[in-house]
PDB file of N, CA and C in Angstrom:
ATOM      1  N   MET A   1      32.861  74.030  67.609  1.00  0.00           N
ATOM      2  CA  MET A   1      31.949  72.988  67.120  1.00  0.00           C
ATOM      3  C   MET A   1      30.413  73.965  66.710  1.00  0.00           C
ATOM      4  N   VAL A   2      30.026  74.282  67.454  1.00  0.00           N
ATOM      5  CA  VAL A   2      28.648  75.102  67.196  1.00  0.00           C
ATOM      6  C   VAL A   2      29.110  76.005  66.535  1.00  0.00           C
ATOM      7  N   VAL A   3      30.276  76.653  66.361  1.00  0.00           N
ATOM      8  CA  VAL A   3      30.710  77.853  65.394  1.00  0.00           C
ATOM      9  C   VAL A   3      30.288  77.177  63.666  1.00  0.00           C
ATOM     10  N   ILE A   4      31.083  76.146  63.681  1.00  0.00           N
ATOM     11  CA  ILE A   4      30.788  75.957  62.467  1.00  0.00           C
ATOM     12  C   ILE A   4      29.643  75.485  61.844  1.00  0.00           C
ATOM     13  N   LEU A   5      28.761  74.928  62.644  1.00  0.00           N
ATOM     14  CA  LEU A   5      27.591  74.707  62.476  1.00  0.00           C
ATOM     15  C   LEU A   5      26.740  75.653  61.909  1.00  0.00           C
ATOM     16  N   ASN A   6      26.776  76.696  62.626  1.00  0.00           N
ATOM     17  CA  ASN A   6      25.952  77.954  62.826  1.00  0.00           C
ATOM     18  C   ASN A   6      26.497  78.897  61.468  1.00  0.00           C
ATOM     19  N   SER A   7      27.820  78.322  61.215  1.00  0.00           N
ATOM     20  CA  SER A   7      28.332  79.004  59.965  1.00  0.00           C
ATOM     21  C   SER A   7      28.095  78.125  58.570  1.00  0.00           C
ATOM     22  N   LYS A   8      27.552  76.892  58.313  1.00  0.00           N
ATOM     23  CA  LYS A   8      27.509  76.004  57.126  1.00  0.00           C
ATOM     24  C   LYS A   8      25.599  76.064  57.162  1.00  0.00           C
ATOM     25  N   ASN A   9      24.957  76.485  58.427  1.00  0.00           N
ATOM     26  CA  ASN A   9      24.085  76.996  58.706  1.00  0.00           C
ATOM     27  C   ASN A   9      23.521  78.337  57.649  1.00  0.00           C
ATOM     28  N   LYS A  10      24.418  78.952  57.968  1.00  0.00           N
ATOM     29  CA  LYS A  10      23.974  80.207  57.254  1.00  0.00           C
ATOM     30  C   LYS A  10      24.424  80.193  56.095  1.00  0.00           C
ATOM     31  N   LYS A  11      25.347  79.549  55.527  1.00  0.00           N
ATOM     32  CA  LYS A  11      25.766  79.759  54.084  1.00  0.00           C
ATOM     33  C   LYS A  11      24.588  78.044  53.406  1.00  0.00           C
ATOM     34  N   ARG A  12      24.045  77.656  54.073  1.00  0.00           N
ATOM     35  CA  ARG A  12      23.081  77.040  53.387  1.00  0.00           C
ATOM     36  C   ARG A  12      21.926  77.300  53.176  1.00  0.00           C
ATOM     37  N   ARG A  13      21.015  78.400  54.246  1.00  0.00           N
ATOM     38  CA  ARG A  13      20.398  79.651  54.167  1.00  0.00           C
ATOM     39  C   ARG A  13      20.262  80.759  53.103  1.00  0.00           C
ATOM     40  N   GLU A  14      21.748  81.444  52.755  1.00  0.00           N
ATOM     41  CA  GLU A  14      21.934  81.798  51.827  1.00  0.00           C
ATOM     42  C   GLU A  14      21.902  81.534  50.577  1.00  0.00           C
ATOM     43  N   ARG A  15      22.499  79.975  50.502  1.00  0.00           N
ATOM     44  CA  ARG A  15      22.216  79.621  48.948  1.00  0.00           C
ATOM     45  C   ARG A  15      21.191  79.331  48.797  1.00  0.00           C
ATOM     46  N   ARG A  16      20.101  78.659  49.677  1.00  0.00           N
ATOM     47  CA  ARG A  16      18.502  78.919  49.377  1.00  0.00           C
ATOM     48  C   ARG A  16      17.894  80.070  49.459  1.00  0.00           C
ATOM     49  N   ASP A  17      18.270  81.121  49.945  1.00  0.00           N
ATOM     50  CA  ASP A  17      17.445  82.369  49.370  1.00  0.00           C
ATOM     51  C   ASP A  17      17.806  82.724  47.998  1.00  0.00           C
ATOM     52  N   LEU A  18      19.201  82.438  47.736  1.00  0.00           N
ATOM     53  CA  LEU A  18      19.318  82.765  46.637  1.00  0.00           C
ATOM     54  C   LEU A  18      18.842  82.640  45.312  1.00  0.00           C
ATOM     55  N   LEU A  19      18.627  80.781  45.443  1.00  0.00           N
ATOM     56  CA  LEU A  19      18.167  80.109  44.344  1.00  0.00           C
ATOM     57  C   LEU A  19      16.247  80.661  44.695  1.00  0.00           C
ATOM     58  N   ARG A  20      15.846  81.018  45.729  1.00  0.00           N
ATOM     59  CA  ARG A  20      14.642  81.403  45.522  1.00  0.00           C
ATOM     60  C   ARG A  20      14.249  82.724  45.053  1.00  0.00           C
ATOM     61  N   LEU A  21      15.500  83.487  44.877  1.00  0.00           N
ATOM     62  CA  LEU A  21      15.493  84.786  44.513  1.00  0.00           C
ATOM     63  C   LEU A  21      15.578  84.570  42.772  1.00  0.00           C
ATOM     64  N   GLN A  22      16.417  83.520  42.457  1.00  0.00           N
ATOM     65  CA  GLN A  22      16.311  83.269  41.100  1.00  0.00           C
ATOM     66  C   GLN A  22      15.341  83.063  40.478  1.00  0.00           C
ATOM     67  N   LEU A  23      14.676  81.552  41.391  1.00  0.00           N
ATOM     68  CA  LEU A  23      12.990  81.189  41.008  1.00  0.00           C
ATOM     69  C   LEU A  23      12.233  82.738  40.614  1.00  0.00           C
ATOM     70  N   LEU A  24      12.329  83.614  41.671  1.00  0.00           N
ATOM     71  CA  LEU A  24      11.099  84.371  41.561  1.00  0.00           C
ATOM     72  C   LEU A  24      11.332  84.993  40.657  1.00  0.00           C
ATOM     73  N   ARG A  25      12.623  85.505  40.103  1.00  0.00           N
ATOM     74  CA  ARG A  25      13.214  86.266  38.466  1.00  0.00           C
ATOM     75  C   ARG A  25      12.502  85.555  36.964  1.00  0.00           C
ATOM     76  N   ILE A  26      12.459  84.394  37.606  1.00  0.00           N
ATOM     77  CA  ILE A  26      12.040  83.717  36.337  1.00  0.00           C
ATOM     78  C   ILE A  26      10.560  83.787  36.388  1.00  0.00           C
ATOM     79  N   PHE A  27       9.817  83.265  37.488  1.00  0.00           N
ATOM     80  CA  PHE A  27       8.333  82.855  37.070  1.00  0.00           C
ATOM     81  C   PHE A  27       8.007  84.714  36.875  1.00  0.00           C
ATOM     82  N   GLU A  28       8.796  85.851  37.385  1.00  0.00           N
ATOM     83  CA  GLU A  28       8.339  87.154  37.045  1.00  0.00           C
ATOM     84  C   GLU A  28       8.131  87.245  35.551  1.00  0.00           C
ATOM     85  N   LEU A  29       9.840  87.195  35.035  1.00  0.00           N
ATOM     86  CA  LEU A  29       9.800  87.467  33.669  1.00  0.00           C
ATOM     87  C   LEU A  29       8.813  86.942  32.787  1.00  0.00           C
ATOM     88  N   LEU A  30       8.237  85.380  33.153  1.00  0.00           N
ATOM     89  CA  LEU A  30       7.241  84.063  32.686  1.00  0.00           C
ATOM     90  C   LEU A  30       6.045  85.223  32.647  1.00  0.00           C
ATOM     91  N   ALA A  31       5.863  85.978  33.570  1.00  0.00           N
ATOM     92  CA  ALA A  31       4.353  86.529  33.641  1.00  0.00           C
ATOM     93  C   ALA A  31       4.663  87.682  33.007  1.00  0.00           C
ATOM     94  N   ASP A  32       5.577  88.004  33.082  1.00  0.00           N
ATOM     95  CA  ASP A  32       5.410  89.442  32.199  1.00  0.00           C
ATOM     96  C   ASP A  32       5.392  89.217  31.009  1.00  0.00           C
ATOM     97  N   ALA A  33       6.019  88.128  30.116  1.00  0.00           N
ATOM     98  CA  ALA A  33       6.156  87.802  28.977  1.00  0.00           C
ATOM     99  C   ALA A  33       5.219  87.344  28.472  1.00  0.00           C
ATOM    100  N   GLY A  34       3.690  87.270  29.468  1.00  0.00           N
ATOM    101  CA  GLY A  34       2.603  86.513  28.925  1.00  0.00           C
ATOM    102  C   GLY A  34       2.900  84.588  28.950  1.00  0.00           C
ATOM    103  N   VAL A  35       4.051  84.284  29.514  1.00  0.00           N
ATOM    104  CA  VAL A  35       4.212  82.678  29.084  1.00  0.00           C
ATOM    105  C   VAL A  35       3.083  82.166  29.914  1.00  0.00           C
ATOM    106  N   ILE A  36       2.736  82.607  31.486  1.00  0.00           N
ATOM    107  CA  ILE A  36       1.772  81.763  31.877  1.00  0.00           C
ATOM    108  C   ILE A  36       0.512  81.453  31.586  1.00  0.00           C
ATOM    109  N   SER A  37       0.183  82.822  30.653  1.00  0.00           N
ATOM    110  CA  SER A  37      -1.426  82.962  30.521  1.00  0.00           C
ATOM    111  C   SER A  37      -1.723  81.988  29.328  1.00  0.00           C
ATOM    112  N   ASP A  38      -0.548  81.214  29.028  1.00  0.00           N
ATOM    113  CA  ASP A  38      -0.667  80.168  27.962  1.00  0.00           C
ATOM    114  C   ASP A  38      -1.023  79.171  28.127  1.00  0.00           C
ATOM    115  N   SER A  39      -2.320  78.417  28.260  1.00  0.00           N
ATOM    116  CA  SER A  39      -2.934  77.450  28.301  1.00  0.00           C
ATOM    117  C   SER A  39      -2.213  76.221  28.028  1.00  0.00           C
ATOM    118  N   THR A  40      -1.131  76.180  27.387  1.00  0.00           N
ATOM    119  CA  THR A  40      -0.576  74.863  26.760  1.00  0.00           C
ATOM    120  C   THR A  40       0.663  74.877  27.454  1.00  0.00           C
ATOM    121  N   ASN A  41       1.179  75.702  28.788  1.00  0.00           N
ATOM    122  CA  ASN A  41       2.804  75.129  29.060  1.00  0.00           C
ATOM    123  C   ASN A  41       2.276  74.911  30.493  1.00  0.00           C
ATOM    124  N   GLY A  42       0.992  74.400  30.691  1.00  0.00           N
ATOM    125  CA  GLY A  42       0.763  73.747  32.320  1.00  0.00           C
ATOM    126  C   GLY A  42       1.048  74.588  33.626  1.00  0.00           C
ATOM    127  N   ALA A  43       0.688  75.548  33.492  1.00  0.00           N
ATOM    128  CA  ALA A  43       0.685  76.688  34.664  1.00  0.00           C
ATOM    129  C   ALA A  43      -0.852  77.020  34.576  1.00  0.00           C
ATOM    130  N   LEU A  44      -1.693  77.187  33.573  1.00  0.00           N
ATOM    131  CA  LEU A  44      -3.272  76.517  34.057  1.00  0.00           C
ATOM    132  C   LEU A  44      -3.640  75.711  33.384  1.00  0.00           C
ATOM    133  N   GLU A  45      -4.889  75.622  34.117  1.00  0.00           N
ATOM    134  CA  GLU A  45      -5.668  74.396  34.261  1.00  0.00           C
ATOM    135  C   GLU A  45      -6.674  74.533  32.584  1.00  0.00           C
ATOM    136  N   ARG A  46      -6.153  73.667  31.823  1.00  0.00           N
ATOM    137  CA  ARG A  46      -6.707  73.627  30.021  1.00  0.00           C
ATOM    138  C   ARG A  46      -8.192  74.207  30.027  1.00  0.00           C
ATOM    139  N   ASP A  47      -9.527  73.107  31.116  1.00  0.00           N
ATOM    140  CA  ASP A  47     -11.009  73.673  31.268  1.00  0.00           C
ATOM    141  C   ASP A  47     -10.913  74.577  31.818  1.00  0.00           C
ATOM    142  N   THR A  48     -10.326  75.314  33.082  1.00  0.00           N
ATOM    143  CA  THR A  48     -11.208  76.132  33.693  1.00  0.00           C
ATOM    144  C   THR A  48      -9.932  77.529  33.586  1.00  0.00           C
ATOM    145  N   LEU A  49      -8.969  77.723  32.503  1.00  0.00           N
ATOM    146  CA  LEU A  49      -7.881  78.110  32.697  1.00  0.00           C
ATOM    147  C   LEU A  49      -7.588  79.079  34.242  1.00  0.00           C
ATOM    148  N   ALA A  50      -8.032  78.350  35.265  1.00  0.00           N
ATOM    149  CA  ALA A  50      -7.553  78.854  36.347  1.00  0.00           C
ATOM    150  C   ALA A  50      -6.059  78.315  36.540  1.00  0.00           C
ATOM    151  N   LEU A  51      -5.452  78.927  37.556  1.00  0.00           N
ATOM    152  CA  LEU A  51      -3.867  78.705  37.836  1.00  0.00           C
ATOM    153  C   LEU A  51      -3.654  77.423  38.206  1.00  0.00           C
ATOM    154  N   GLY A  52      -2.554  76.650  37.994  1.00  0.00           N
ATOM    155  CA  GLY A  52      -2.976  75.133  38.020  1.00  0.00           C
ATOM    156  C   GLY A  52      -2.519  75.143  39.785  1.00  0.00           C
ATOM    157  N   ALA A  53      -2.876  73.820  40.139  1.00  0.00           N
ATOM    158  CA  ALA A  53      -2.669  73.630  41.753  1.00  0.00           C
ATOM    159  C   ALA A  53      -0.905  73.951  42.521  1.00  0.00           C
ATOM    160  N   LEU A  54      -0.228  73.049  41.639  1.00  0.00           N
ATOM    161  CA  LEU A  54       1.100  73.082  41.777  1.00  0.00           C
ATOM    162  C   LEU A  54       1.820  74.597  41.843  1.00  0.00           C
ATOM    163  N   PHE A  55       1.627  75.482  41.012  1.00  0.00           N
ATOM    164  CA  PHE A  55       1.762  76.896  40.663  1.00  0.00           C
ATOM    165  C   PHE A  55       1.426  77.751  41.802  1.00  0.00           C
ATOM    166  N   LEU A  56      -0.304  77.562  42.038  1.00  0.00           N
ATOM    167  CA  LEU A  56      -0.748  77.977  43.310  1.00  0.00           C
ATOM    168  C   LEU A  56      -0.299  77.803  44.659  1.00  0.00           C
ATOM    169  N   GLU A  57       0.551  76.584  44.576  1.00  0.00           N
ATOM    170  CA  GLU A  57       1.168  76.136  46.189  1.00  0.00           C
ATOM    171  C   GLU A  57       2.223  76.720  46.131  1.00  0.00           C
ATOM    172  N   TYR A  58       2.845  77.188  45.037  1.00  0.00           N
ATOM    173  CA  TYR A  58       4.501  77.719  45.147  1.00  0.00           C
ATOM    174  C   TYR A  58       3.841  79.283  45.333  1.00  0.00           C
ATOM    175  N   VAL A  59       3.293  79.394  45.119  1.00  0.00           N
ATOM    176  CA  VAL A  59       2.817  80.943  45.201  1.00  0.00           C
ATOM    177  C   VAL A  59       2.483  81.375  46.413  1.00  0.00           C
ATOM    178  N   ASP A  60       1.880  80.212  47.329  1.00  0.00           N
ATOM    179  CA  ASP A  60       0.786  80.567  48.674  1.00  0.00           C
ATOM    180  C   ASP A  60       2.410  79.830  49.542  1.00  0.00           C
ATOM    181  N   LEU A  61       3.006  79.010  49.130  1.00  0.00           N
ATOM    182  CA  LEU A  61       4.275  79.034  50.481  1.00  0.00           C
ATOM    183  C   LEU A  61       5.091  80.125  50.148  1.00  0.00           C
ATOM    184  N   THR A  62       5.228  80.736  48.634  1.00  0.00           N
ATOM    185  CA  THR A  62       6.224  82.022  48.857  1.00  0.00           C
ATOM    186  C   THR A  62       5.716  83.261  49.442  1.00  0.00           C
ATOM    187  N   ARG A  63       4.551  83.145  50.009  1.00  0.00           N
ATOM    188  CA  ARG A  63       3.894  84.170  50.402  1.00  0.00           C
ATOM    189  C   ARG A  63       3.860  83.763  51.647  1.00  0.00           C
ATOM    190  N   MET A  64       3.757  83.146  52.217  1.00  0.00           N
ATOM    191  CA  MET A  64       4.047  82.513  53.598  1.00  0.00           C
ATOM    192  C   MET A  64       5.261  82.843  54.038  1.00  0.00           C
ATOM    193  N   LEU A  65       6.513  82.694  53.366  1.00  0.00           N
ATOM    194  CA  LEU A  65       8.091  82.619  53.806  1.00  0.00           C
ATOM    195  C   LEU A  65       8.283  84.430  53.507  1.00  0.00           C
ATOM    196  N   LEU A  66       7.817  84.717  52.757  1.00  0.00           N
ATOM    197  CA  LEU A  66       8.141  86.036  52.786  1.00  0.00           C
ATOM    198  C   LEU A  66       7.256  86.982  53.908  1.00  0.00           C
ATOM    199  N   GLU A  67       6.249  86.335  54.374  1.00  0.00           N
ATOM    200  CA  GLU A  67       5.196  87.038  55.745  1.00  0.00           C
ATOM    201  C   GLU A  67       5.983  86.156  56.695  1.00  0.00           C
ATOM    202  N   ALA A  68       6.674  85.206  57.324  1.00  0.00           N
ATOM    203  CA  ALA A  68       7.398  85.259  58.358  1.00  0.00           C
ATOM    204  C   ALA A  68       8.584  85.907  58.182  1.00  0.00           C
ATOM    205  N   GLU A  69       9.250  85.638  57.548  1.00  0.00           N
ATOM    206  CA  GLU A  69      10.388  86.811  57.454  1.00  0.00           C
ATOM    207  C   GLU A  69       9.731  87.993  57.264  1.00  0.00           C
ATOM    208  N   ASN A  70       8.687  88.546  57.724  1.00  0.00           N
ATOM    209  CA  ASN A  70       8.362  89.930  57.571  1.00  0.00           C
ATOM    210  C   ASN A  70       9.483  90.678  58.280  1.00  0.00           C
ATOM    211  N   ASP A  71       9.674  90.345  59.617  1.00  0.00           N
ATOM    212  CA  ASP A  71      10.381  90.743  60.672  1.00  0.00           C
ATOM    213  C   ASP A  71      12.152  92.033  60.294  1.00  0.00           C
ATOM    214  N   LYS A  72      12.567  90.667  59.138  1.00  0.00           N
ATOM    215  CA  LYS A  72      13.982  90.828  59.080  1.00  0.00           C
ATOM    216  C   LYS A  72      14.183  92.154  57.656  1.00  0.00           C
ATOM    217  N   GLU A  73      15.187  92.736  57.785  1.00  0.00           N
ATOM    218  CA  GLU A  73      15.613  93.637  56.935  1.00  0.00           C
ATOM    219  C   GLU A  73      16.310  93.113  55.805  1.00  0.00           C
ATOM    220  N   VAL A  74      16.434  91.826  55.569  1.00  0.00           N
ATOM    221  CA  VAL A  74      18.035  91.334  54.964  1.00  0.00           C
ATOM    222  C   VAL A  74      18.072  91.891  53.734  1.00  0.00           C
ATOM    223  N   GLU A  75      18.636  92.207  52.844  1.00  0.00           N
ATOM    224  CA  GLU A  75      18.600  92.564  51.518  1.00  0.00           C
ATOM    225  C   GLU A  75      18.278  91.929  50.472  1.00  0.00           C
ATOM    226  N   ILE A  76      18.375  90.519  50.740  1.00  0.00           N
ATOM    227  CA  ILE A  76      17.975  89.291  49.367  1.00  0.00           C
ATOM    228  C   ILE A  76      16.583  89.588  50.186  1.00  0.00           C
ATOM    229  N   LEU A  77      16.546  89.290  51.240  1.00  0.00           N
ATOM    230  CA  LEU A  77      14.244  89.379  51.353  1.00  0.00           C
ATOM    231  C   LEU A  77      14.105  90.341  50.837  1.00  0.00           C
ATOM    232  N   LYS A  78      14.402  92.045  50.255  1.00  0.00           N
ATOM    233  CA  LYS A  78      13.134  93.049  50.214  1.00  0.00           C
ATOM    234  C   LYS A  78      13.898  92.537  48.688  1.00  0.00           C
ATOM    235  N   ASP A  79      14.852  92.163  48.094  1.00  0.00           N
ATOM    236  CA  ASP A  79      14.669  91.348  46.880  1.00  0.00           C
ATOM    237  C   ASP A  79      13.672  90.500  46.506  1.00  0.00           C
ATOM    238  N   MET A  80      13.686  89.729  47.002  1.00  0.00           N
ATOM    239  CA  MET A  80      12.381  88.493  47.345  1.00  0.00           C
ATOM    240  C   MET A  80      11.162  89.019  46.770  1.00  0.00           C
ATOM    241  N   ARG A  81      10.815  90.370  48.209  1.00  0.00           N
ATOM    242  CA  ARG A  81       9.198  90.326  48.284  1.00  0.00           C
ATOM    243  C   ARG A  81       9.215  91.537  46.864  1.00  0.00           C
ATOM    244  N   ALA A  82      10.689  92.605  45.984  1.00  0.00           N
ATOM    245  CA  ALA A  82      10.185  92.953  45.218  1.00  0.00           C
ATOM    246  C   ALA A  82      10.211  91.987  44.215  1.00  0.00           C
ATOM    247  N   HIS A  83      10.512  90.915  43.713  1.00  0.00           N
ATOM    248  CA  HIS A  83       9.995  90.335  42.437  1.00  0.00           C
ATOM    249  C   HIS A  83       8.632  89.080  42.801  1.00  0.00           C
ATOM    250  N   PHE A  84       8.902  89.022  43.857  1.00  0.00           N
ATOM    251  CA  PHE A  84       7.521  88.301  44.027  1.00  0.00           C
ATOM    252  C   PHE A  84       5.837  89.597  43.912  1.00  0.00           C
ATOM    253  N   SER A  85       5.724  90.762  44.316  1.00  0.00           N
ATOM    254  CA  SER A  85       5.071  91.712  43.810  1.00  0.00           C
ATOM    255  C   SER A  85       4.818  91.987  42.562  1.00  0.00           C
ATOM    256  N   ALA A  86       5.845  92.424  41.963  1.00  0.00           N
ATOM    257  CA  ALA A  86       6.181  92.070  40.597  1.00  0.00           C
ATOM    258  C   ALA A  86       5.439  91.178  39.470  1.00  0.00           C
ATOM    259  N   MET A  87       6.168  89.387  40.359  1.00  0.00           N
ATOM    260  CA  MET A  87       5.353  88.458  39.606  1.00  0.00           C
ATOM    261  C   MET A  87       3.889  88.085  39.922  1.00  0.00           C
ATOM    262  N   ILE A  88       3.001  88.978  40.728  1.00  0.00           N
ATOM    263  CA  ILE A  88       1.883  88.582  41.377  1.00  0.00           C
ATOM    264  C   ILE A  88       1.395  89.784  40.401  1.00  0.00           C
ATOM    265  N   ALA A  89       1.353  91.111  40.348  1.00  0.00           N
ATOM    266  CA  ALA A  89       1.019  92.235  39.443  1.00  0.00           C
ATOM    267  C   ALA A  89       0.820  91.695  38.306  1.00  0.00           C
ATOM    268  N   ASN A  90       1.755  90.994  37.486  1.00  0.00           N
ATOM    269  CA  ASN A  90       2.443  90.424  36.380  1.00  0.00           C
ATOM    270  C   ASN A  90       1.336  89.284  35.911  1.00  0.00           C
ATOM    271  N   LEU A  91       0.871  88.547  37.260  1.00  0.00           N
ATOM    272  CA  LEU A  91      -0.021  87.372  36.928  1.00  0.00           C
ATOM    273  C   LEU A  91      -1.459  88.260  36.781  1.00  0.00           C
ATOM    274  N   ILE A  92      -1.493  89.203  37.630  1.00  0.00           N
ATOM    275  CA  ILE A  92      -3.206  89.646  37.554  1.00  0.00           C
ATOM    276  C   ILE A  92      -3.295  90.092  36.303  1.00  0.00           C
ATOM    277  N   GLN A  93      -2.500  90.561  35.276  1.00  0.00           N
ATOM    278  CA  GLN A  93      -2.552  91.272  34.153  1.00  0.00           C
ATOM    279  C   GLN A  93      -3.082  90.387  33.181  1.00  0.00           C
ATOM    280  N   CYS A  94      -1.944  89.010  33.113  1.00  0.00           N
ATOM    281  CA  CYS A  94      -2.290  88.499  32.188  1.00  0.00           C
ATOM    282  C   CYS A  94      -2.812  87.421  32.210  1.00  0.00           C
ATOM    283  N   VAL A  95      -3.439  86.988  33.499  1.00  0.00           N
ATOM    284  CA  VAL A  95      -3.967  84.991  33.422  1.00  0.00           C
ATOM    285  C   VAL A  95      -5.408  85.912  33.327  1.00  0.00           C
ATOM    286  N   PRO A  96      -6.389  85.167  32.756  1.00  0.00           N
ATOM    287  CA  PRO A  96      -7.509  85.422  32.532  1.00  0.00           C
ATOM    288  C   PRO A  96      -8.758  84.838  33.747  1.00  0.00           C
TER     289      PRO A  96
END
């Protein structure tokens, strides 16, 4: 029974990590294309042109997840780190 639960938990974890990776890739591409720097799409506050609270929370929680998993060298986590770093670099370049 424990083996079955561990296998299910591992599959669930892998699915979650794949979804996180896909989301990071999407945000990286959006930042690269300058979509996030457009104040009409909701990522930036209209009056201050600062990143919105929801998007900042996503970035912060993703950073915390990657820091918590820092000691693990799983391939998908390496991909997540690479795409997260690229997304942040793109944000720095495109957000006023």
